[in-house]
Amino acid sequence: MIHPLADVQTSKIGNNTKIWQFCVVLEKAKIGEKCNICMNVLIENDVIIGNNVTIKSGVQLWDGLRIEDDVFIGPNVTFTNDLVPRSKKYPDFFQNTIIKCGSSLGANSVIIAGHTIGEYSFVGAGSVVTKDIPPFTVWYGNPARQKGFITKSGILLDNYLCDNTGKKYNLED
């Protein structure tokens, strides 16, 4: 489903993906199946989006971004792709940023170019990511720092792998 008020120039869109009003998707972008692209999202040419991805409103996906399956991107998450931007001066290539399977990025977080967000990790709202994020970890703050762990099923854990009741978990749970 593509909303009639969206400007979608690519034909590389998987089945059952929804693209809502006021989105712009450029010609070479690739979007997987069962994605939900909310209103006011811009997707540039050199962007690859996996399956079952949710991208909330107000997000711009710049060239060089790779998003794997089952990722959640909250409203107004900001990505960069050029570490030293100058008007009308473009780098030879844009930094690749990789968002790994199952990870979640909270509202208004900022992801500096060239980093990898690990599998099933969680970046809290308003955080500024300036380094790679390991799998199954929880990060927040400015700059973002590791504050704990998270299971594959989304249970928040402290640094000893315990939930708020003291029960110890395996990160694969």
Protein backbone atom coordinates (compact mmCIF):
# COMPACT_ATOMS: atom_id res chain seq x y z
CA MET A 1 0.00 0.00 0.00
CA ILE A 2 1.43 3.34 -1.08
CA HIS A 3 -0.52 6.42 0.01
CA PRO A 4 -1.49 8.62 -2.96
CA LEU A 5 0.25 11.61 -1.33
CA ALA A 6 3.62 9.80 -1.21
CA ASP A 7 6.30 10.30 -3.89
CA VAL A 8 7.68 6.79 -4.40
CA GLN A 9 10.13 6.49 -7.31
CA THR A 10 11.45 2.98 -6.63
CA SER A 11 9.87 -0.26 -7.75
CA LYS A 12 11.99 -2.31 -5.33
CA ILE A 13 9.40 -2.66 -2.55
CA GLY A 14 8.47 -5.98 -0.92
CA ASN A 15 4.96 -7.32 -0.50
CA ASN A 16 2.69 -5.95 2.24
CA THR A 17 4.85 -2.87 2.85
CA LYS A 18 2.97 0.33 3.72
CA ILE A 19 4.28 3.77 2.80
CA TRP A 20 2.22 6.62 4.22
CA GLN A 21 1.57 10.20 3.11
CA PHE A 22 4.27 12.81 2.46
CA CYS A 23 7.06 10.22 2.14
CA VAL A 24 9.71 10.53 -0.56
CA VAL A 25 11.48 7.36 -1.69
CA LEU A 26 14.16 7.76 -4.36
CA GLU A 27 14.56 5.52 -7.40
CA LYS A 28 17.33 3.14 -6.27
CA ALA A 29 16.17 2.54 -2.68
CA LYS A 30 15.35 -1.06 -1.71
CA ILE A 31 12.61 -1.82 0.84
CA GLY A 32 11.73 -5.31 2.11
CA GLU A 33 8.43 -6.99 2.90
CA LYS A 34 5.96 -6.10 5.66
CA CYS A 35 7.57 -2.74 6.45
CA ASN A 36 5.68 0.25 7.83
CA ILE A 37 7.09 3.58 6.64
CA CYS A 38 5.16 6.29 8.50
CA MET A 39 4.46 9.79 7.18
CA ASN A 40 7.18 12.37 6.46
CA VAL A 41 10.00 9.89 5.83
CA LEU A 42 12.72 10.51 3.22
CA ILE A 43 14.63 7.53 1.80
CA GLU A 44 17.61 8.28 -0.46
CA ASN A 45 18.96 6.09 -3.31
CA ASP A 46 21.70 4.08 -1.58
CA VAL A 47 19.51 2.78 1.25
CA ILE A 48 18.62 -0.86 1.85
CA ILE A 49 15.82 -1.75 4.27
CA GLY A 50 15.12 -5.36 5.33
CA ASN A 51 11.82 -7.06 6.17
CA ASN A 52 9.43 -6.21 9.05
CA VAL A 53 11.01 -2.80 9.65
CA THR A 54 9.08 0.05 11.29
CA ILE A 55 10.20 3.60 10.56
CA LYS A 56 8.19 6.20 12.46
CA SER A 57 7.46 9.74 11.28
CA GLY A 58 10.06 12.42 10.64
CA VAL A 59 13.05 10.20 9.78
CA GLN A 60 15.50 10.78 6.92
CA LEU A 61 17.44 7.78 5.66
CA TRP A 62 20.58 9.01 3.88
CA ASP A 63 22.80 7.25 1.35
CA GLY A 64 24.92 4.51 2.92
CA LEU A 65 22.35 3.30 5.44
CA ARG A 66 21.74 -0.45 5.77
CA ILE A 67 18.83 -1.60 7.93
CA GLU A 68 18.42 -5.32 8.58
CA ASP A 69 15.19 -7.21 9.43
CA ASP A 70 12.88 -6.52 12.40
CA VAL A 71 14.33 -3.08 13.24
CA PHE A 72 12.33 -0.32 14.97
CA ILE A 73 13.30 3.29 14.23
CA GLY A 74 11.46 5.75 16.46
CA PRO A 75 10.09 9.15 15.46
CA ASN A 76 12.59 11.81 14.43
CA VAL A 77 15.66 9.56 14.69
CA THR A 78 18.51 11.39 12.94
CA PHE A 79 21.16 9.67 10.85
CA THR A 80 24.27 11.29 9.39
CA ASN A 81 26.36 10.05 6.47
CA ASP A 82 29.12 12.64 6.10
CA LEU A 83 31.51 13.25 8.99
CA VAL A 84 32.71 16.62 7.64
CA PRO A 85 29.80 18.09 5.66
CA ARG A 86 30.30 21.18 3.50
CA SER A 87 27.74 22.82 1.25
CA LYS A 88 28.05 21.64 -2.36
CA LYS A 89 31.18 19.57 -1.56
CA TYR A 90 30.50 15.86 -1.56
CA PRO A 91 32.79 13.10 -0.33
CA ASP A 92 33.95 10.35 -2.69
CA PHE A 93 31.68 8.01 -0.75
CA PHE A 94 29.24 8.31 2.14
CA GLN A 95 29.90 6.51 5.40
CA ASN A 96 27.98 3.25 5.79
CA THR A 97 25.88 2.86 8.91
CA ILE A 98 24.50 -0.59 9.69
CA ILE A 99 21.46 -1.22 11.89
CA LYS A 100 21.50 -4.94 12.71
CA CYS A 101 18.58 -7.33 13.04
CA GLY A 102 16.06 -6.73 15.83
CA SER A 103 17.55 -3.50 17.19
CA SER A 104 15.49 -0.50 18.35
CA LEU A 105 16.34 3.20 18.12
CA GLY A 106 14.38 5.49 20.45
CA ALA A 107 12.75 8.76 19.44
CA ASN A 108 15.08 11.65 18.63
CA SER A 109 18.24 9.57 18.94
CA VAL A 110 21.15 10.62 16.72
CA ILE A 111 23.31 8.03 14.97
CA ILE A 112 26.66 9.40 13.77
CA ALA A 113 27.79 7.93 10.43
CA GLY A 114 29.99 4.89 10.09
CA HIS A 115 28.79 2.91 13.09
CA THR A 116 27.10 -0.46 13.54
CA ILE A 117 24.17 -0.91 15.90
CA GLY A 118 24.35 -4.56 17.06
CA GLU A 119 21.65 -7.22 16.93
CA TYR A 120 18.73 -6.72 19.32
CA SER A 121 20.38 -3.72 20.97
CA PHE A 122 18.36 -0.81 22.34
CA VAL A 123 19.24 2.89 22.03
CA GLY A 124 17.19 5.11 24.34
CA ALA A 125 15.30 8.21 23.26
CA GLY A 126 17.41 11.33 22.76
CA SER A 127 20.73 9.45 22.81
CA VAL A 128 23.71 10.40 20.65
CA VAL A 129 25.54 7.34 19.30
CA THR A 130 29.21 8.08 18.61
CA LYS A 131 30.59 4.50 18.50
CA ASP A 132 29.60 0.96 17.58
CA ILE A 133 26.91 -0.61 19.78
CA PRO A 134 27.44 -4.31 20.69
CA PRO A 135 24.58 -6.82 20.32
CA PHE A 136 22.05 -7.21 23.18
CA THR A 137 23.10 -3.99 24.94
CA VAL A 138 21.16 -0.95 26.20
CA TRP A 139 22.59 2.52 25.58
CA TYR A 140 21.41 6.02 26.39
CA GLY A 141 22.68 9.52 27.07
CA ASN A 142 24.82 12.10 25.28
CA PRO A 143 27.14 10.64 24.32
CA ALA A 144 25.38 7.29 24.62
CA ARG A 145 26.91 4.91 27.14
CA GLN A 146 26.11 1.31 27.91
CA LYS A 147 23.63 1.03 30.79
CA GLY A 148 22.78 -2.65 30.71
CA PHE A 149 21.65 -5.50 28.49
CA ILE A 150 18.47 -6.60 26.76
CA THR A 151 17.22 -10.05 25.75
CA LYS A 152 16.12 -10.99 22.27
CA SER A 153 12.52 -10.82 23.50
CA GLY A 154 13.00 -7.28 24.89
CA ILE A 155 13.50 -7.77 28.64
CA LEU A 156 15.73 -5.04 30.09
CA LEU A 157 18.58 -6.34 32.23
CA ASP A 158 21.19 -4.75 34.47
CA ASN A 159 24.94 -5.26 34.10
CA TYR A 160 24.64 -8.62 35.90
CA LEU A 161 22.03 -9.87 33.39
CA CYS A 162 19.20 -9.62 35.96
CA ASP A 163 15.77 -8.07 35.44
CA ASN A 164 14.14 -5.71 37.97
CA THR A 165 13.02 -8.67 40.12
CA GLY A 166 16.55 -10.13 40.32
CA LYS A 167 15.88 -13.01 37.93
CA LYS A 168 18.98 -13.83 35.88
CA TYR A 169 18.62 -14.24 32.11
CA ASN A 170 20.41 -15.58 29.07
CA LEU A 171 20.62 -12.89 26.38
CA GLU A 172 19.13 -15.24 23.78
CA ASP A 173 15.82 -15.50 25.79
